[in-house]
Amino acid sequence: MVDALASKCSLYILSLLRHAERPLRFTELRRRIEGITQKSLTQALRNLERDGLISRTVYPTIPPRVD
């Protein structure tokens, strides 16, 4: 968990999610964080989810929707 919090990107993601009025999708996060690569954002989100700091919800729709 310390590794996740040590990353500036992770702290920024947590701040965005906390202040959002609703769950944010991957693309919305990517648009709000200037200069982040898709790979970096994916890794940060996976680490935060693994550490239990965020949750990922997959909806059984076509196409699949994930918040």
N, C-alpha and C. Protein backbone atom coordinates (compact mmCIF):
# COMPACT_ATOMS: atom_id res chain seq x y z
N MET A 1 0.82 -1.19 0.00
CA MET A 1 0.00 0.00 0.00
C MET A 1 0.86 1.25 0.00
N VAL A 2 2.00 1.20 0.65
CA VAL A 2 2.89 2.35 0.67
C VAL A 2 3.37 2.69 -0.73
N ASP A 3 3.63 1.67 -1.55
CA ASP A 3 4.08 1.91 -2.92
C ASP A 3 3.03 2.69 -3.70
N ALA A 4 1.78 2.34 -3.52
CA ALA A 4 0.70 3.02 -4.24
C ALA A 4 0.62 4.49 -3.83
N LEU A 5 0.77 4.76 -2.56
CA LEU A 5 0.67 6.13 -2.08
C LEU A 5 1.91 6.95 -2.38
N ALA A 6 3.03 6.28 -2.64
CA ALA A 6 4.28 6.99 -2.93
C ALA A 6 4.26 7.59 -4.33
N SER A 7 3.43 7.08 -5.19
CA SER A 7 3.36 7.57 -6.57
C SER A 7 2.52 8.85 -6.64
N LYS A 8 3.07 9.88 -7.28
CA LYS A 8 2.31 11.12 -7.46
C LYS A 8 1.04 10.87 -8.26
N CYS A 9 1.18 10.02 -9.25
CA CYS A 9 0.04 9.70 -10.11
C CYS A 9 -1.09 9.09 -9.29
N SER A 10 -0.75 8.16 -8.42
CA SER A 10 -1.77 7.50 -7.60
C SER A 10 -2.47 8.48 -6.67
N LEU A 11 -1.70 9.38 -6.09
CA LEU A 11 -2.30 10.38 -5.21
C LEU A 11 -3.24 11.30 -5.99
N TYR A 12 -2.84 11.66 -7.18
CA TYR A 12 -3.68 12.51 -8.01
C TYR A 12 -4.96 11.78 -8.41
N ILE A 13 -4.85 10.51 -8.76
CA ILE A 13 -6.02 9.71 -9.12
C ILE A 13 -6.98 9.63 -7.94
N LEU A 14 -6.45 9.35 -6.75
CA LEU A 14 -7.31 9.26 -5.56
C LEU A 14 -8.01 10.60 -5.30
N SER A 15 -7.30 11.69 -5.51
CA SER A 15 -7.89 13.01 -5.31
C SER A 15 -9.02 13.26 -6.31
N LEU A 16 -8.79 12.92 -7.57
CA LEU A 16 -9.84 13.10 -8.58
C LEU A 16 -11.07 12.26 -8.26
N LEU A 17 -10.85 11.01 -7.88
CA LEU A 17 -11.97 10.13 -7.58
C LEU A 17 -12.74 10.59 -6.34
N ARG A 18 -12.02 11.10 -5.37
CA ARG A 18 -12.67 11.54 -4.13
C ARG A 18 -13.56 12.75 -4.38
N HIS A 19 -13.12 13.66 -5.24
CA HIS A 19 -13.86 14.89 -5.47
C HIS A 19 -14.88 14.78 -6.61
N ALA A 20 -14.91 13.65 -7.26
CA ALA A 20 -15.88 13.46 -8.35
C ALA A 20 -17.27 13.22 -7.77
N GLU A 21 -18.26 13.67 -8.49
CA GLU A 21 -19.64 13.50 -8.03
C GLU A 21 -20.19 12.12 -8.35
N ARG A 22 -19.46 11.38 -9.20
CA ARG A 22 -19.89 10.03 -9.60
C ARG A 22 -18.65 9.23 -9.93
N PRO A 23 -18.78 7.92 -10.11
CA PRO A 23 -17.62 7.13 -10.52
C PRO A 23 -17.08 7.60 -11.86
N LEU A 24 -15.76 7.58 -11.99
CA LEU A 24 -15.13 8.00 -13.24
C LEU A 24 -14.64 6.80 -14.00
N ARG A 25 -14.76 6.87 -15.31
CA ARG A 25 -14.29 5.81 -16.18
C ARG A 25 -12.85 6.10 -16.58
N PHE A 26 -12.17 5.08 -17.11
CA PHE A 26 -10.77 5.18 -17.47
C PHE A 26 -10.49 6.38 -18.38
N THR A 27 -11.29 6.53 -19.42
CA THR A 27 -11.07 7.60 -20.39
C THR A 27 -11.25 8.98 -19.74
N GLU A 28 -12.20 9.09 -18.83
CA GLU A 28 -12.40 10.36 -18.13
C GLU A 28 -11.18 10.71 -17.29
N LEU A 29 -10.63 9.72 -16.60
CA LEU A 29 -9.43 9.96 -15.81
C LEU A 29 -8.26 10.36 -16.70
N ARG A 30 -8.13 9.66 -17.81
CA ARG A 30 -7.01 9.94 -18.72
C ARG A 30 -7.10 11.37 -19.28
N ARG A 31 -8.30 11.83 -19.57
CA ARG A 31 -8.49 13.20 -20.07
C ARG A 31 -8.15 14.24 -19.01
N ARG A 32 -8.44 13.93 -17.76
CA ARG A 32 -8.22 14.91 -16.68
C ARG A 32 -6.76 14.98 -16.23
N ILE A 33 -5.99 13.93 -16.49
CA ILE A 33 -4.59 13.91 -16.07
C ILE A 33 -3.71 14.15 -17.29
N GLU A 34 -3.22 15.35 -17.41
CA GLU A 34 -2.40 15.70 -18.56
C GLU A 34 -1.06 14.95 -18.54
N GLY A 35 -0.67 14.45 -19.70
CA GLY A 35 0.64 13.86 -19.85
C GLY A 35 0.79 12.43 -19.36
N ILE A 36 -0.27 11.81 -18.87
CA ILE A 36 -0.16 10.43 -18.41
C ILE A 36 -0.37 9.48 -19.58
N THR A 37 0.42 8.43 -19.61
CA THR A 37 0.25 7.44 -20.67
C THR A 37 -0.81 6.43 -20.24
N GLN A 38 -1.36 5.74 -21.22
CA GLN A 38 -2.36 4.71 -20.93
C GLN A 38 -1.76 3.64 -20.03
N LYS A 39 -0.52 3.26 -20.31
CA LYS A 39 0.14 2.22 -19.52
C LYS A 39 0.32 2.65 -18.06
N SER A 40 0.76 3.88 -17.85
CA SER A 40 0.97 4.37 -16.48
C SER A 40 -0.33 4.43 -15.70
N LEU A 41 -1.39 4.92 -16.35
CA LEU A 41 -2.69 5.00 -15.69
C LEU A 41 -3.21 3.61 -15.36
N THR A 42 -3.08 2.69 -16.29
CA THR A 42 -3.53 1.31 -16.06
C THR A 42 -2.80 0.70 -14.88
N GLN A 43 -1.49 0.85 -14.84
CA GLN A 43 -0.70 0.27 -13.74
C GLN A 43 -1.09 0.89 -12.40
N ALA A 44 -1.26 2.21 -12.38
CA ALA A 44 -1.63 2.89 -11.14
C ALA A 44 -3.00 2.43 -10.66
N LEU A 45 -3.96 2.32 -11.57
CA LEU A 45 -5.30 1.87 -11.18
C LEU A 45 -5.29 0.43 -10.68
N ARG A 46 -4.53 -0.43 -11.35
CA ARG A 46 -4.43 -1.83 -10.90
C ARG A 46 -3.83 -1.92 -9.51
N ASN A 47 -2.78 -1.12 -9.25
CA ASN A 47 -2.15 -1.13 -7.93
C ASN A 47 -3.11 -0.63 -6.86
N LEU A 48 -3.85 0.43 -7.15
CA LEU A 48 -4.81 0.97 -6.18
C LEU A 48 -5.92 -0.03 -5.91
N GLU A 49 -6.37 -0.73 -6.95
CA GLU A 49 -7.41 -1.75 -6.77
C GLU A 49 -6.87 -2.93 -5.96
N ARG A 50 -5.67 -3.35 -6.28
CA ARG A 50 -5.04 -4.47 -5.56
C ARG A 50 -4.91 -4.16 -4.07
N ASP A 51 -4.59 -2.90 -3.76
CA ASP A 51 -4.40 -2.49 -2.37
C ASP A 51 -5.71 -2.15 -1.66
N GLY A 52 -6.83 -2.25 -2.38
CA GLY A 52 -8.14 -2.02 -1.78
C GLY A 52 -8.50 -0.55 -1.61
N LEU A 53 -7.79 0.34 -2.30
CA LEU A 53 -8.08 1.76 -2.17
C LEU A 53 -9.17 2.23 -3.12
N ILE A 54 -9.38 1.51 -4.21
CA ILE A 54 -10.47 1.81 -5.14
C ILE A 54 -11.15 0.51 -5.53
N SER A 55 -12.34 0.62 -6.05
CA SER A 55 -13.04 -0.58 -6.52
C SER A 55 -13.35 -0.40 -8.00
N ARG A 56 -13.44 -1.50 -8.67
CA ARG A 56 -13.72 -1.52 -10.11
C ARG A 56 -15.02 -2.29 -10.30
N THR A 57 -15.98 -1.67 -10.97
CA THR A 57 -17.28 -2.30 -11.19
C THR A 57 -17.46 -2.56 -12.68
N VAL A 58 -17.72 -3.82 -13.02
CA VAL A 58 -17.96 -4.20 -14.41
C VAL A 58 -19.45 -4.48 -14.56
N TYR A 59 -20.08 -3.81 -15.52
CA TYR A 59 -21.50 -3.99 -15.77
C TYR A 59 -21.70 -4.94 -16.95
N PRO A 60 -22.61 -5.89 -16.82
CA PRO A 60 -22.82 -6.89 -17.89
C PRO A 60 -23.67 -6.34 -19.03
N THR A 61 -23.11 -5.38 -19.73
CA THR A 61 -23.80 -4.80 -20.88
C THR A 61 -22.99 -5.05 -22.15
N ILE A 62 -23.57 -4.76 -23.26
CA ILE A 62 -22.84 -4.87 -24.53
C ILE A 62 -22.83 -3.50 -25.16
N PRO A 63 -21.68 -2.89 -25.36
CA PRO A 63 -20.35 -3.34 -24.94
C PRO A 63 -20.19 -3.23 -23.42
N PRO A 64 -19.23 -3.97 -22.86
CA PRO A 64 -19.02 -3.94 -21.41
C PRO A 64 -18.73 -2.51 -20.93
N ARG A 65 -19.23 -2.20 -19.78
CA ARG A 65 -18.98 -0.89 -19.18
C ARG A 65 -18.32 -1.09 -17.83
N VAL A 66 -17.26 -0.34 -17.59
CA VAL A 66 -16.49 -0.47 -16.35
C VAL A 66 -16.34 0.91 -15.72
N ASP A 67 -16.68 1.03 -14.43
CA ASP A 67 -16.47 2.27 -13.67
C ASP A 67 -15.43 1.99 -12.60
